[in-house]
């Protein structure tokens, strides 16, 4: 499908877009609640509900002929989200900024998973603050002298807390990108399972993954890992590494974790049988330096696997976004992979390895509803979120809905694959023997 940049939209905003799926849910459930009933069931005062309505945070789904507020089942989900975000420290203004982009209020699982993750981070931060206070109290109990450096450290720990709205939006962005692939990929086998088995690693191997992220490669294949593997997972982001540790906690085999910059790998020469770089080399500032380090830490006859995307990957998403926001600077998230793609990665790898091979994963998306596409577009840039509001947002939704009705589903190109290279005995950099 080709998206033209002169698409004309002329449809006005309606309540149905704010509550996608409400009509079907109402018909199925057949229940509406007055403000008194809604407040009593939720344990929130009517005054609070009226205030949320006044500031636009929680509008009733309907109003009766006498202008009475009427709420339905899905409004409880929106109220729950508001109260949770308020509980973890967001202001009402911040909550409003988060919720006004949520077209899929009926996606309860996605919403609850994000809330849970942020609450986990909040609990960890509260624990750190408590530990800093306990340390200072213990010092006073022991010496009755206040160490001002320790006291100031309490302030520093408190201020280490990140902006919760930003964390919520970042988590939402990640979920949006994962979700669209999980729901609408035509290849149901799954990239992580396929990539894992393509590597064909011996049962006794020492393995290093650079840029492991949340350890999805290993979580998705935990049932296939031989006991003889010694696996080290690394990432440049300490936060990502904590997510990986949490995801794999209690699993066998044991994993080693370390914060590592791929441009300066802190392991001895010829330490690993396998090095994996799964969709990460395009993030590295100096790719040649990273490849040189990978070559160095690989054993003779060791294997290197580097996955990435092609230039046409998700190109229809870019077309849609460019139609709505012509400023190409907004779309840098589409361009950052250009540094290491399926089209140019071979040349880079062959500077250090001999006879690298490329294998592609056959897949695409057929998306049957507008919401996940809009979520994905919002994940591209905060600026798109600011621009694409009100009538523009409604216009996009209607355009996508009409295209889906006309075609049976919007086709999105996926172009993913990996390079496999081996470090041969006596091979020198540049691929010569």
Protein backbone atom coordinates (compact mmCIF):
# COMPACT_ATOMS: atom_id res chain seq x y z
CA UNK A 1 0.00 0.00 0.00
CA UNK A 2 1.31 3.43 -0.92
CA UNK A 3 0.52 6.40 1.26
CA UNK A 4 0.34 9.74 -0.56
CA UNK A 5 1.43 12.89 1.21
CA UNK A 6 -1.57 14.85 -0.04
CA UNK A 7 -4.18 12.69 1.69
CA UNK A 8 -7.15 14.86 2.65
CA UNK A 9 -8.95 14.28 5.94
CA UNK A 10 -12.27 15.93 6.81
CA UNK A 11 -13.83 13.85 9.57
CA UNK A 12 -14.49 15.42 12.99
CA UNK A 13 -13.53 14.02 16.39
CA UNK A 14 -16.07 11.76 18.07
CA UNK A 15 -16.47 10.03 21.40
CA UNK A 16 -16.08 6.60 19.84
CA UNK A 17 -12.39 7.18 19.14
CA UNK A 18 -11.62 7.99 22.75
CA UNK A 19 -13.22 4.70 23.76
CA UNK A 20 -12.35 2.21 21.03
CA UNK A 21 -14.31 -0.97 21.63
CA UNK A 22 -16.75 0.53 24.15
CA UNK A 23 -19.83 0.00 22.01
CA UNK A 24 -19.20 -3.73 21.65
CA UNK A 25 -18.35 -4.07 25.33
CA UNK A 26 -21.50 -2.22 26.35
CA UNK A 27 -23.71 -4.36 24.15
CA UNK A 28 -22.14 -7.49 25.58
CA UNK A 29 -22.32 -6.39 29.21
CA UNK A 30 -25.47 -4.26 29.08
CA UNK A 31 -24.51 -2.31 32.20
CA UNK A 32 -24.27 1.43 32.73
CA UNK A 33 -23.59 3.21 36.02
CA UNK A 34 -24.66 6.55 37.41
CA UNK A 35 -21.95 8.65 39.01
CA UNK A 36 -23.13 7.49 42.44
CA UNK A 37 -22.95 3.83 41.49
CA UNK A 38 -19.60 4.30 39.74
CA UNK A 39 -18.11 6.10 42.76
CA UNK A 40 -19.43 3.52 45.25
CA UNK A 41 -18.12 0.52 43.28
CA UNK A 42 -14.69 2.09 42.83
CA UNK A 43 -14.37 3.47 46.36
CA UNK A 44 -13.74 6.99 45.07
CA UNK A 45 -15.79 10.02 46.07
CA UNK A 46 -18.28 11.58 43.65
CA UNK A 47 -16.43 14.84 44.15
CA UNK A 48 -13.24 13.26 42.80
CA UNK A 49 -15.09 11.76 39.82
CA UNK A 50 -16.64 15.16 39.02
CA UNK A 51 -13.23 16.83 39.30
CA UNK A 52 -11.66 14.28 36.92
CA UNK A 53 -14.50 15.01 34.48
CA UNK A 54 -13.99 18.77 34.83
CA UNK A 55 -10.28 18.60 33.98
CA UNK A 56 -10.85 16.11 31.14
CA UNK A 57 -9.08 13.22 32.82
CA UNK A 58 -12.09 10.88 33.02
CA UNK A 59 -15.07 11.90 30.93
CA UNK A 60 -18.22 9.76 31.27
CA UNK A 61 -18.81 7.51 28.29
CA UNK A 62 -22.33 8.87 27.89
CA UNK A 63 -24.74 11.48 29.19
CA UNK A 64 -28.46 10.92 29.50
CA UNK A 65 -31.11 13.18 28.03
CA UNK A 66 -31.15 15.05 31.35
CA UNK A 67 -27.34 15.42 31.15
CA UNK A 68 -26.64 12.85 33.88
CA UNK A 69 -23.21 11.25 33.76
CA UNK A 70 -23.24 7.57 32.77
CA UNK A 71 -20.23 5.27 33.04
CA UNK A 72 -19.58 1.79 31.67
CA UNK A 73 -17.28 -1.11 32.56
CA UNK A 74 -14.34 0.23 30.59
CA UNK A 75 -14.37 3.49 32.53
CA UNK A 76 -13.28 1.48 35.58
CA UNK A 77 -10.13 0.50 33.67
CA UNK A 78 -9.35 4.14 32.90
CA UNK A 79 -9.97 5.13 36.54
CA UNK A 80 -7.72 2.30 37.71
CA UNK A 81 -4.93 3.55 35.44
CA UNK A 82 -5.35 7.12 36.71
CA UNK A 83 -5.21 6.05 40.35
CA UNK A 84 -2.17 3.80 39.77
CA UNK A 85 -0.23 6.54 37.98
CA UNK A 86 -1.16 8.96 40.77
CA UNK A 87 -0.04 6.41 43.36
CA UNK A 88 3.44 6.05 41.83
CA UNK A 89 3.98 9.81 41.85
CA UNK A 90 2.75 11.36 38.61
CA UNK A 91 0.96 14.69 38.77
CA UNK A 92 -2.53 15.01 37.29
CA UNK A 93 -1.02 17.03 34.42
CA UNK A 94 1.46 14.24 33.73
CA UNK A 95 -1.29 11.63 33.90
CA UNK A 96 -3.37 13.65 31.45
CA UNK A 97 -0.43 13.79 29.03
CA UNK A 98 -0.01 10.02 29.24
CA UNK A 99 -3.67 9.09 28.89
CA UNK A 100 -4.60 11.37 26.03
CA UNK A 101 -2.59 9.15 23.67
CA UNK A 102 -4.10 5.88 24.88
CA UNK A 103 -6.47 4.83 22.12
CA UNK A 104 -6.65 1.28 23.42
CA UNK A 105 -8.10 1.61 26.90
CA UNK A 106 -9.52 -1.90 26.48
CA UNK A 107 -6.03 -3.42 26.20
CA UNK A 108 -6.01 -4.27 29.90
CA UNK A 109 -3.09 -6.72 29.82
CA UNK A 110 -0.74 -4.26 28.16
CA UNK A 111 -1.71 -1.48 30.58
CA UNK A 112 -1.34 -3.64 33.69
CA UNK A 113 2.04 -5.03 32.60
CA UNK A 114 3.42 -1.51 32.14
CA UNK A 115 2.01 -0.39 35.49
CA UNK A 116 3.55 -3.41 37.21
CA UNK A 117 6.98 -2.73 35.72
CA UNK A 118 6.95 0.88 36.85
CA UNK A 119 5.78 -0.06 40.35
CA UNK A 120 8.71 -2.50 40.58
CA UNK A 121 11.07 0.37 39.76
CA UNK A 122 9.33 2.58 42.31
CA UNK A 123 9.69 -0.09 45.02
CA UNK A 124 13.40 -0.45 44.22
CA UNK A 125 13.89 3.31 44.51
CA UNK A 126 11.99 3.48 47.81
CA UNK A 127 14.20 0.68 49.14
CA UNK A 128 17.32 2.67 48.18
CA UNK A 129 16.01 5.79 49.98
CA UNK A 130 15.17 3.75 53.09
CA UNK A 131 18.64 2.17 53.06
CA UNK A 132 20.27 5.63 52.89
CA UNK A 133 18.16 6.83 55.85
CA UNK A 134 18.91 3.64 57.84
CA UNK A 135 22.64 4.10 57.24
CA UNK A 136 22.50 7.65 58.58
CA UNK A 137 20.40 6.62 61.61
CA UNK A 138 22.82 3.79 62.45
CA UNK A 139 25.69 6.26 62.32
CA UNK A 140 23.88 8.60 64.75
CA UNK A 141 23.04 5.72 67.10
CA UNK A 142 26.67 4.60 67.14
CA UNK A 143 28.63 7.87 67.29
CA UNK A 144 25.95 10.53 67.93
CA UNK A 145 27.71 12.57 65.26
CA UNK A 146 26.07 13.54 62.00
CA UNK A 147 28.22 12.98 58.94
CA UNK A 148 26.88 15.62 56.59
CA UNK A 149 28.17 13.78 53.54
CA UNK A 150 26.02 10.79 54.51
CA UNK A 151 23.06 13.08 55.14
CA UNK A 152 23.42 14.78 51.76
CA UNK A 153 23.57 11.31 50.19
CA UNK A 154 19.92 10.83 51.22
CA UNK A 155 19.03 13.82 49.04
CA UNK A 156 21.08 12.44 46.16
CA UNK A 157 19.35 9.06 46.37
CA UNK A 158 15.94 10.73 46.42
CA UNK A 159 16.84 12.81 43.38
CA UNK A 160 18.10 9.75 41.52
CA UNK A 161 14.44 8.91 40.94
CA UNK A 162 13.59 9.34 37.27
CA UNK A 163 10.57 11.11 35.86
CA UNK A 164 7.75 8.57 36.16
CA UNK A 165 5.84 9.91 33.19
CA UNK A 166 8.93 9.44 31.02
CA UNK A 167 9.34 5.88 32.32
CA UNK A 168 5.70 5.11 31.61
CA UNK A 169 5.96 6.49 28.08
CA UNK A 170 9.23 4.64 27.40
CA UNK A 171 7.69 1.39 28.61
CA UNK A 172 4.61 2.09 26.50
CA UNK A 173 6.79 2.66 23.44
CA UNK A 174 8.62 -0.63 23.93
CA UNK A 175 5.37 -2.52 24.48
CA UNK A 176 3.85 -0.94 21.37
CA UNK A 177 6.72 -2.13 19.20
CA UNK A 178 6.70 -5.64 20.63
CA UNK A 179 2.92 -5.94 20.60
CA UNK A 180 2.40 -5.25 16.91
CA UNK A 181 4.85 -8.02 16.00
CA UNK A 182 3.34 -10.49 18.45
CA UNK A 183 -0.20 -9.91 17.23
CA UNK A 184 0.17 -9.51 13.48
CA UNK A 185 3.32 -11.24 12.21
CA UNK A 186 2.49 -13.66 9.41
CA UNK A 187 5.34 -15.94 10.49
CA UNK A 188 3.99 -17.32 13.75
CA UNK A 189 7.15 -19.21 14.62
CA UNK A 190 8.76 -16.06 16.00
CA UNK A 191 12.10 -14.36 15.35
CA UNK A 192 13.73 -15.27 18.68
CA UNK A 193 12.98 -18.98 18.34
CA UNK A 194 14.08 -19.04 14.69
CA UNK A 195 17.29 -17.05 15.25
CA UNK A 196 18.23 -19.23 18.22
CA UNK A 197 18.01 -22.49 16.32
CA UNK A 198 19.77 -21.07 13.25
CA UNK A 199 22.91 -20.48 15.30
CA UNK A 200 23.32 -24.24 15.91
CA UNK A 201 25.68 -23.82 18.87
CA UNK A 202 27.49 -26.94 20.23
CA UNK A 203 26.31 -28.29 23.59
CA UNK A 204 29.58 -27.30 25.26
CA UNK A 205 30.26 -23.63 24.50
CA UNK A 206 31.17 -20.35 26.14
CA UNK A 207 28.82 -17.67 24.81
CA UNK A 208 28.87 -13.85 24.96
CA UNK A 209 25.89 -11.71 23.99
CA UNK A 210 26.50 -8.01 23.48
CA UNK A 211 23.51 -5.72 23.96
CA UNK A 212 21.28 -8.38 25.49
CA UNK A 213 18.49 -5.90 26.31
CA UNK A 214 15.83 -7.58 28.43
CA UNK A 215 17.22 -11.04 27.59
CA UNK A 216 14.32 -11.88 25.28
CA UNK A 217 16.48 -14.22 23.19
CA UNK A 218 17.08 -16.41 26.24
CA UNK A 219 13.67 -16.07 27.85
CA UNK A 220 12.00 -17.24 24.63
CA UNK A 221 14.36 -20.24 24.41
CA UNK A 222 14.93 -21.13 28.05
CA UNK A 223 13.71 -24.69 27.42
CA UNK A 224 16.36 -25.27 24.74
CA UNK A 225 19.55 -24.24 26.58
CA UNK A 226 21.99 -27.13 27.21
CA UNK A 227 23.51 -27.48 30.66
CA UNK A 228 27.00 -27.25 29.17
CA UNK A 229 26.66 -23.63 28.03
CA UNK A 230 28.48 -20.87 29.92
CA UNK A 231 26.51 -17.73 29.01
CA UNK A 232 27.56 -14.13 29.66
CA UNK A 233 24.97 -11.44 28.96
CA UNK A 234 26.08 -7.83 28.64
CA UNK A 235 24.53 -4.48 27.86
CA UNK A 236 25.72 -0.88 27.83
CA UNK A 237 22.61 0.08 29.85
CA UNK A 238 22.67 -0.87 33.53
CA UNK A 239 18.87 -0.60 33.59
CA UNK A 240 18.50 -3.06 30.73
CA UNK A 241 20.84 -5.48 32.45
CA UNK A 242 18.71 -5.33 35.61
CA UNK A 243 15.65 -6.15 33.48
CA UNK A 244 17.54 -9.12 32.01
CA UNK A 245 18.53 -10.38 35.46
CA UNK A 246 14.95 -10.09 36.65
CA UNK A 247 13.60 -11.92 33.60
CA UNK A 248 16.01 -14.84 34.05
CA UNK A 249 16.03 -15.01 37.84
CA UNK A 250 15.77 -18.58 39.09
CA UNK A 251 16.32 -20.14 35.69
CA UNK A 252 18.87 -22.81 34.93
CA UNK A 253 21.55 -22.58 33.68
CA UNK A 254 23.02 -19.69 35.62
CA UNK A 255 23.81 -16.58 33.58
CA UNK A 256 26.67 -14.14 34.06
CA UNK A 257 25.83 -10.43 33.74
CA UNK A 258 28.09 -7.45 33.12
CA UNK A 259 27.79 -3.84 31.94
CA UNK A 260 29.92 -3.73 28.79
CA UNK A 261 30.65 -1.28 25.98
CA UNK A 262 30.99 -3.33 22.77
CA UNK A 263 33.79 -0.99 21.68
CA UNK A 264 35.91 -2.06 24.67
CA UNK A 265 35.08 -5.62 25.70
CA UNK A 266 36.68 -6.40 29.10
CA UNK A 267 37.56 -10.04 28.39
CA UNK A 268 40.80 -11.73 27.40
CA UNK A 269 41.72 -12.70 23.83
CA UNK A 270 40.07 -15.89 22.56
CA UNK A 271 37.68 -16.20 25.52
CA UNK A 272 34.45 -17.21 23.76
CA UNK A 273 33.25 -19.83 21.31
CA UNK A 274 30.31 -17.67 20.24
CA UNK A 275 29.58 -13.92 20.21
CA UNK A 276 26.05 -12.69 19.51
CA UNK A 277 25.01 -9.15 18.57
CA UNK A 278 21.23 -9.28 18.17
CA UNK A 279 19.91 -6.07 16.59
CA UNK A 280 22.45 -3.89 18.38
CA UNK A 281 25.45 -2.99 16.20
CA UNK A 282 23.65 -0.04 14.61
CA UNK A 283 23.53 1.52 18.09
CA UNK A 284 27.34 1.43 18.44
CA UNK A 285 29.25 4.64 17.72
CA UNK A 286 32.35 2.97 16.22
CA UNK A 287 31.20 -0.26 14.56
CA UNK A 288 34.66 -1.14 13.21
CA UNK A 289 36.11 -0.91 16.70
CA UNK A 290 33.35 -3.16 18.06
CA UNK A 291 33.93 -5.73 15.32
CA UNK A 292 37.66 -5.68 16.06
CA UNK A 293 36.93 -6.37 19.72
CA UNK A 294 34.53 -9.18 18.82
CA UNK A 295 37.18 -10.74 16.61
CA UNK A 296 39.72 -10.47 19.43
CA UNK A 297 37.65 -12.22 22.12
CA UNK A 298 36.53 -15.05 19.83
CA UNK A 299 38.44 -18.32 19.97
CA UNK A 300 39.93 -19.79 16.82
CA UNK A 301 37.04 -21.25 14.78
CA UNK A 302 34.65 -19.29 17.00
CA UNK A 303 31.33 -18.11 15.52
CA UNK A 304 29.93 -14.59 15.33
CA UNK A 305 26.22 -13.92 14.75
CA UNK A 306 24.99 -10.38 14.07
CA UNK A 307 21.34 -9.72 13.31
CA UNK A 308 19.84 -6.53 11.92
CA UNK A 309 17.13 -5.22 9.60
CA UNK A 310 17.02 -4.21 5.95
CA UNK A 311 16.32 -0.76 4.54
CA UNK A 312 12.69 -1.66 3.75
CA UNK A 313 11.90 -2.88 7.26
CA UNK A 314 8.59 -1.31 8.45
CA UNK A 315 8.72 1.11 5.50
CA UNK A 316 4.95 1.54 5.41
CA UNK A 317 5.07 2.88 8.96
CA UNK A 318 7.55 5.48 7.79
CA UNK A 319 5.28 6.38 4.86
CA UNK A 320 2.34 6.92 7.20
CA UNK A 321 4.42 9.00 9.63
CA UNK A 322 5.91 11.13 6.83
CA UNK A 323 2.41 11.78 5.50
CA UNK A 324 1.36 13.15 8.87
CA UNK A 325 4.61 14.84 9.94
CA UNK A 326 6.64 15.79 6.85
CA UNK A 327 9.65 17.02 8.85
CA UNK A 328 12.13 14.18 8.27
CA UNK A 329 14.00 15.09 11.48
CA UNK A 330 11.12 13.58 13.42
CA UNK A 331 11.83 10.19 11.89
CA UNK A 332 15.40 9.61 13.05
CA UNK A 333 14.34 6.39 14.74
CA UNK A 334 13.80 4.94 11.26
CA UNK A 335 17.21 6.12 10.09
CA UNK A 336 19.46 4.96 12.94
CA UNK A 337 19.59 1.37 11.62
CA UNK A 338 21.14 2.57 8.34
CA UNK A 339 24.58 2.38 9.94
CA UNK A 340 24.45 -1.42 9.99
CA UNK A 341 21.80 -3.08 7.84
CA UNK A 342 21.43 -6.23 5.80
CA UNK A 343 22.50 -4.25 2.73
CA UNK A 344 25.81 -2.89 4.10
CA UNK A 345 26.68 -5.12 7.06
CA UNK A 346 28.52 -7.74 5.01
CA UNK A 347 31.16 -5.26 3.88
CA UNK A 348 31.85 -4.20 7.46
CA UNK A 349 32.06 -7.73 8.83
CA UNK A 350 34.37 -8.87 6.02
CA UNK A 351 36.95 -6.32 7.13
CA UNK A 352 37.63 -8.66 10.05
CA UNK A 353 36.19 -12.07 9.10
CA UNK A 354 36.29 -14.27 6.03
CA UNK A 355 33.32 -15.35 3.93
CA UNK A 356 30.46 -14.09 6.11
CA UNK A 357 27.02 -15.45 5.19
CA UNK A 358 23.63 -13.71 5.25
CA UNK A 359 20.33 -15.40 6.03
CA UNK A 360 16.95 -13.67 6.03
CA UNK A 361 13.87 -14.36 8.14
CA UNK A 362 10.71 -14.43 6.04
CA UNK A 363 7.97 -12.39 7.68
CA UNK A 364 5.57 -9.45 7.35
CA UNK A 365 2.68 -7.86 9.24
CA UNK A 366 -0.98 -7.85 8.29
CA UNK A 367 -2.53 -5.42 10.76
CA UNK A 368 -6.30 -5.66 11.20
CA UNK A 369 -7.01 -2.68 13.49
CA UNK A 370 -5.84 0.96 13.62
CA UNK A 371 -4.86 1.12 17.31
CA UNK A 372 -1.57 -0.85 17.22
CA UNK A 373 -0.41 1.13 14.16
CA UNK A 374 -1.09 4.42 15.93
CA UNK A 375 0.65 3.15 19.08
CA UNK A 376 3.69 2.25 16.96
CA UNK A 377 3.74 5.67 15.27
CA UNK A 378 3.54 7.36 18.68
CA UNK A 379 6.55 5.30 19.80
CA UNK A 380 8.67 6.85 17.04
CA UNK A 381 8.94 10.32 18.50
CA UNK A 382 7.60 12.47 21.30
CA UNK A 383 7.13 15.22 18.75
CA UNK A 384 4.65 13.11 16.80
CA UNK A 385 2.68 12.69 20.03
CA UNK A 386 2.52 16.46 20.46
CA UNK A 387 1.49 17.13 16.86
CA UNK A 388 -0.93 14.26 16.32
CA UNK A 389 -3.82 15.20 18.61
CA UNK A 390 -7.51 16.04 18.37
CA UNK A 391 -8.92 16.05 14.86
CA UNK A 392 -5.62 14.97 13.30
CA UNK A 393 -5.63 11.89 15.49
CA UNK A 394 -9.25 11.12 14.64
CA UNK A 395 -8.50 11.60 10.92
CA UNK A 396 -5.63 9.12 11.07
CA UNK A 397 -7.76 6.57 12.88
CA UNK A 398 -10.57 6.86 10.31
CA UNK A 399 -8.14 6.66 7.39
CA UNK A 400 -6.55 3.48 8.75
CA UNK A 401 -9.93 1.97 9.59
CA UNK A 402 -11.15 2.59 6.03
CA UNK A 403 -7.97 1.08 4.55
CA UNK A 404 -8.36 -2.01 6.72
CA UNK A 405 -11.99 -2.37 5.70
CA UNK A 406 -11.07 -1.97 2.03
CA UNK A 407 -8.04 -4.30 1.97
CA UNK A 408 -8.73 -6.70 4.84
CA UNK A 409 -5.60 -5.56 6.69
CA UNK A 410 -2.73 -3.14 6.26
CA UNK A 411 0.43 -4.86 4.99
CA UNK A 412 3.70 -3.84 6.69
CA UNK A 413 7.01 -5.04 5.27
CA UNK A 414 9.43 -6.79 7.61
CA UNK A 415 13.01 -7.40 6.55
CA UNK A 416 15.10 -9.09 9.23
CA UNK A 417 18.07 -11.43 9.10
CA UNK A 418 21.54 -12.16 10.42
CA UNK A 419 25.16 -12.49 9.36
CA UNK A 420 27.20 -15.54 10.36
CA UNK A 421 30.99 -15.30 10.32
CA UNK A 422 33.70 -17.58 11.63
CA UNK A 423 37.16 -16.80 12.90
CA UNK A 424 39.38 -19.34 11.13
CA UNK A 425 42.72 -20.60 12.43
CA UNK A 426 45.57 -18.28 11.37
CA UNK A 427 43.09 -15.84 9.82
CA UNK A 428 44.18 -12.22 9.96
CA UNK A 429 41.91 -9.22 9.97
CA UNK A 430 40.57 -8.38 6.55
CA UNK A 431 39.80 -11.99 5.71
CA UNK A 432 43.25 -13.05 4.50
CA UNK A 433 44.94 -16.30 5.51
